[in-house]
Amino acid sequence: MPYLPIQSTTRAFFNSVTSKDLAVASTPTNSLAIMLINILTDFTNTVTSVTDDKGNTYVVVGPLDKPDTRNYVAYGVHAVGGVTTITVNFSGSASVGYIGADLFSGAYSTNAATIDVSTTEQSVGSSNYSNLTSPLVPTVNGNLIYLCLLSGDDRIMTAGTGFTGYMGDGLSYSLHGQYKLSGTTSESCPASLNGTTQWNVFAFSFKPAPPVPPIGKITKPNQAINRASNY
């Protein structure tokens, strides 16, 4: 069952809070939420967890730090659907930052079964992102490829060839995401910004859930024999 994009949220600003809620439209079962988290000041604080109003679990990746930005990404399968609120929890009162999320349908029912491989990279000083210096290497073709591009300054991202911009697409944002629904086994994840800045990137490969056989479809060689023996 291939992944399909289902919603992309508007980024939410936070200031001096220990947690921040992000509203999403009610999600289907086995959808995949990818959270982008950008703390712009106060590096004494960390992201301790990401939760939602249906009790699903999330994996937090990071932080990646630059002089003016601390970045995390979290992903979680909504094994229980109907999620309307995702919450980012901090270790202290994180002073300024943004969160946002992109969501897709078509995941496995667990995080461990859904994630394939991931990688991170950071700018050296201030520069314009172009592509991964070491490609992401998925184990199979056909996975969802997702790149999170986060910066200390508001920039406009242009999605790379073969990718579709999602979070912050075409806007002056410090959070950007782009995706490819059917990736290969080597992905350089190209993209560009409209100016130099300090940036962090997180790249992921997510495995799609297998298709569900139609009701009544013969899926095992001996199934037809067993049926015939009943007559």
Protein backbone atom coordinates (compact mmCIF):
# COMPACT_ATOMS: atom_id res chain seq x y z
CA MET A 1 0.00 0.00 0.00
CA PRO A 2 1.86 3.14 -1.14
CA TYR A 3 2.18 6.24 1.02
CA LEU A 4 -0.03 9.21 0.26
CA PRO A 5 0.23 12.74 1.71
CA ILE A 6 -2.83 13.57 3.82
CA GLN A 7 -2.06 16.88 5.56
CA SER A 8 0.63 19.45 6.29
CA THR A 9 0.18 21.79 9.25
CA THR A 10 0.94 25.47 9.55
CA ARG A 11 3.98 26.01 11.75
CA ALA A 12 3.12 26.84 15.38
CA PHE A 13 5.14 29.39 17.37
CA PHE A 14 6.06 28.81 21.02
CA ASN A 15 7.58 31.09 23.62
CA SER A 16 8.55 30.20 27.22
CA VAL A 17 6.57 26.96 27.47
CA THR A 18 7.29 23.47 28.79
CA SER A 19 5.03 21.86 26.17
CA LYS A 20 3.42 22.87 22.91
CA ASP A 21 0.30 21.43 21.26
CA LEU A 22 -0.11 21.16 17.51
CA ALA A 23 -3.62 20.73 16.11
CA VAL A 24 -4.09 18.26 13.22
CA ALA A 25 -7.15 17.09 11.32
CA SER A 26 -8.34 13.71 12.63
CA THR A 27 -5.90 11.12 11.30
CA PRO A 28 -6.62 7.68 9.83
CA THR A 29 -5.32 4.49 11.44
CA ASN A 30 -1.70 3.65 10.50
CA SER A 31 -0.90 7.14 9.29
CA LEU A 32 2.64 8.43 9.77
CA ALA A 33 3.28 11.82 11.44
CA ILE A 34 6.66 13.53 10.96
CA MET A 35 7.24 16.38 13.45
CA LEU A 36 9.72 19.19 12.73
CA ILE A 37 10.95 21.02 15.84
CA ASN A 38 13.11 24.16 15.77
CA ILE A 39 14.29 25.76 19.03
CA LEU A 40 15.83 29.13 18.17
CA THR A 41 17.25 30.02 21.59
CA ASP A 42 17.93 28.55 25.06
CA PHE A 43 19.95 25.41 24.40
CA THR A 44 19.64 24.33 28.04
CA ASN A 45 16.34 22.74 27.05
CA THR A 46 15.77 19.46 25.26
CA VAL A 47 12.78 17.70 23.73
CA THR A 48 11.92 15.00 26.25
CA SER A 49 9.05 13.37 24.35
CA VAL A 50 6.33 13.75 21.74
CA THR A 51 2.85 12.46 22.56
CA ASP A 52 -0.68 12.68 21.18
CA ASP A 53 -4.25 12.53 22.41
CA LYS A 54 -4.66 8.85 21.43
CA GLY A 55 -1.60 7.47 23.23
CA ASN A 56 0.54 6.68 20.15
CA THR A 57 4.33 6.56 20.58
CA TYR A 58 6.94 8.70 18.80
CA VAL A 59 10.66 8.36 18.16
CA VAL A 60 12.60 11.60 18.78
CA VAL A 61 15.74 12.11 16.67
CA GLY A 62 18.30 14.78 17.64
CA PRO A 63 19.30 17.30 18.64
CA LEU A 64 21.43 18.85 15.94
CA ASP A 65 22.81 22.17 17.19
CA LYS A 66 24.11 25.25 15.40
CA PRO A 67 24.97 28.59 17.07
CA ASP A 68 21.42 29.93 16.66
CA THR A 69 19.22 26.85 16.28
CA ARG A 70 18.60 23.46 17.94
CA ASN A 71 16.67 20.98 15.83
CA TYR A 72 14.81 17.75 16.41
CA VAL A 73 12.61 15.54 14.27
CA ALA A 74 10.12 13.05 15.66
CA TYR A 75 8.11 10.42 13.80
CA GLY A 76 5.24 8.28 14.97
CA VAL A 77 2.75 5.82 13.51
CA HIS A 78 -0.85 6.45 14.50
CA ALA A 79 -1.72 2.83 15.30
CA VAL A 80 -4.75 4.39 16.95
CA GLY A 81 -6.36 6.82 14.54
CA GLY A 82 -8.42 9.90 15.24
CA VAL A 83 -5.51 12.00 16.50
CA THR A 84 -6.33 15.72 16.69
CA THR A 85 -3.52 16.99 18.95
CA ILE A 86 0.21 16.22 18.93
CA THR A 87 2.24 17.58 21.87
CA VAL A 88 5.97 18.34 22.06
CA ASN A 89 7.30 18.23 25.64
CA PHE A 90 10.43 20.13 26.72
CA SER A 91 12.75 19.65 29.68
CA GLY A 92 12.31 23.30 30.65
CA SER A 93 10.77 26.52 29.44
CA ALA A 94 12.03 26.64 25.85
CA SER A 95 12.11 30.31 25.01
CA VAL A 96 11.42 30.65 21.27
CA GLY A 97 10.81 28.24 18.43
CA TYR A 98 8.49 26.58 15.95
CA ILE A 99 6.94 23.17 15.40
CA GLY A 100 5.08 21.70 12.44
CA ALA A 101 4.08 18.33 11.03
CA ASP A 102 3.59 16.47 7.76
CA LEU A 103 1.37 13.40 7.70
CA PHE A 104 1.05 10.46 5.32
CA SER A 105 -1.20 7.42 5.09
CA GLY A 106 0.13 3.93 4.37
CA ALA A 107 2.48 3.06 7.25
CA TYR A 108 2.93 -0.21 9.11
CA SER A 109 1.27 -0.41 12.53
CA THR A 110 4.52 0.16 14.51
CA ASN A 111 7.42 2.60 14.37
CA ALA A 112 9.98 -0.20 14.29
CA ALA A 113 8.39 -1.84 11.26
CA THR A 114 7.97 1.47 9.42
CA ILE A 115 11.44 3.05 9.70
CA ASP A 116 14.05 1.83 7.22
CA VAL A 117 17.15 4.07 7.44
CA SER A 118 17.97 7.68 8.32
CA THR A 119 20.87 10.13 8.24
CA THR A 120 21.70 13.68 9.32
CA GLU A 121 24.00 16.44 8.04
CA GLN A 122 24.89 20.00 9.08
CA SER A 123 26.22 23.06 7.30
CA VAL A 124 29.79 24.19 7.83
CA GLY A 125 29.28 27.82 8.75
CA SER A 126 26.67 29.65 6.68
CA SER A 127 25.89 28.15 3.28
CA ASN A 128 23.09 27.16 0.92
CA TYR A 129 21.99 23.52 1.13
CA SER A 130 22.21 21.63 -2.18
CA ASN A 131 22.15 17.88 -1.44
CA LEU A 132 23.41 15.25 0.98
CA THR A 133 27.16 14.77 0.76
CA SER A 134 26.66 11.10 1.61
CA PRO A 135 23.46 9.73 0.02
CA LEU A 136 20.70 8.12 2.00
CA VAL A 137 20.76 4.39 1.19
CA PRO A 138 17.34 2.71 1.58
CA THR A 139 17.33 -1.08 1.68
CA VAL A 140 14.73 -1.41 -1.11
CA ASN A 141 13.12 0.66 -3.85
CA GLY A 142 9.68 2.15 -3.35
CA ASN A 143 10.02 3.65 0.14
CA LEU A 144 8.80 7.08 1.23
CA ILE A 145 11.80 9.44 1.26
CA TYR A 146 11.47 12.48 3.50
CA LEU A 147 13.95 15.34 3.99
CA CYS A 148 13.62 17.85 6.87
CA LEU A 149 15.55 21.08 6.26
CA LEU A 150 15.71 23.40 9.27
CA SER A 151 17.50 26.74 9.53
CA GLY A 152 18.28 29.50 11.98
CA ASP A 153 16.87 32.12 9.59
CA ASP A 154 13.61 32.23 7.68
CA ARG A 155 14.32 31.03 4.15
CA ILE A 156 12.25 29.84 1.20
CA MET A 157 13.02 26.30 0.08
CA THR A 158 12.75 25.03 -3.48
CA ALA A 159 12.17 21.28 -3.59
CA GLY A 160 14.71 19.22 -5.51
CA THR A 161 14.13 17.25 -8.70
CA GLY A 162 11.81 14.33 -8.03
CA PHE A 163 10.64 15.74 -4.69
CA THR A 164 7.51 17.60 -3.65
CA GLY A 165 7.70 20.44 -1.12
CA TYR A 166 5.39 19.99 1.86
CA MET A 167 5.96 21.71 5.23
CA GLY A 168 6.72 25.40 4.56
CA ASP A 169 6.49 24.92 0.80
CA GLY A 170 6.98 28.27 -0.93
CA LEU A 171 6.94 30.20 2.36
CA SER A 172 9.58 32.04 4.36
CA TYR A 173 9.98 29.41 7.06
CA SER A 174 12.63 28.00 9.34
CA LEU A 175 10.97 24.58 8.92
CA HIS A 176 10.90 22.83 5.55
CA GLY A 177 10.01 19.33 4.42
CA GLN A 178 9.99 17.58 1.05
CA TYR A 179 9.07 14.04 0.05
CA LYS A 180 9.29 11.43 -2.66
CA LEU A 181 6.62 8.71 -2.56
CA SER A 182 8.65 6.01 -4.31
CA GLY A 183 12.36 6.28 -3.65
CA THR A 184 15.37 4.37 -4.95
CA THR A 185 18.24 2.71 -3.07
CA SER A 186 20.39 5.85 -3.31
CA GLU A 187 18.92 9.28 -2.57
CA SER A 188 20.92 12.52 -2.50
CA CYS A 189 17.79 14.53 -1.51
CA PRO A 190 18.48 17.74 -3.48
CA ALA A 191 16.91 21.06 -2.49
CA SER A 192 17.89 24.72 -2.27
CA LEU A 193 17.24 27.82 -0.16
CA ASN A 194 16.92 31.43 -1.28
CA GLY A 195 20.05 32.49 0.59
CA THR A 196 22.82 31.27 2.84
CA THR A 197 22.16 30.31 6.45
CA GLN A 198 23.17 27.74 9.03
CA TRP A 199 21.12 24.61 8.47
CA ASN A 200 20.52 21.07 9.69
CA VAL A 201 18.99 18.25 7.67
CA PHE A 202 17.40 14.95 8.68
CA ALA A 203 16.70 12.42 5.91
CA PHE A 204 14.51 9.34 6.34
CA SER A 205 13.39 6.27 4.41
CA PHE A 206 10.06 4.78 5.58
CA LYS A 207 8.75 1.40 4.44
CA PRO A 208 5.13 1.26 3.21
CA ALA A 209 2.78 -1.36 4.59
CA PRO A 210 2.10 -4.29 2.23
CA PRO A 211 -1.18 -4.26 0.30
CA VAL A 212 -4.14 -5.99 1.90
CA PRO A 213 -5.43 -8.92 -0.25
CA PRO A 214 -9.07 -8.58 -1.35
CA ILE A 215 -11.57 -10.60 0.68
CA GLY A 216 -11.87 -14.09 -0.76
CA LYS A 217 -8.63 -13.88 -2.75
CA ILE A 218 -6.56 -17.08 -2.77
CA THR A 219 -3.22 -16.19 -1.18
CA LYS A 220 -1.73 -19.66 -0.49
CA PRO A 221 -1.10 -22.46 -3.04
CA ASN A 222 -2.95 -25.09 -0.97
CA GLN A 223 -5.94 -22.87 -0.31
CA ALA A 224 -7.67 -23.95 -3.50
CA ILE A 225 -7.02 -27.61 -2.64
CA ASN A 226 -8.50 -27.19 0.82
CA ARG A 227 -11.58 -25.55 -0.67
CA ALA A 228 -11.98 -28.37 -3.20
CA SER A 229 -11.77 -31.02 -0.45
CA ASN A 230 -14.86 -29.57 1.19
CA TYR A 231 -17.06 -30.74 -1.67
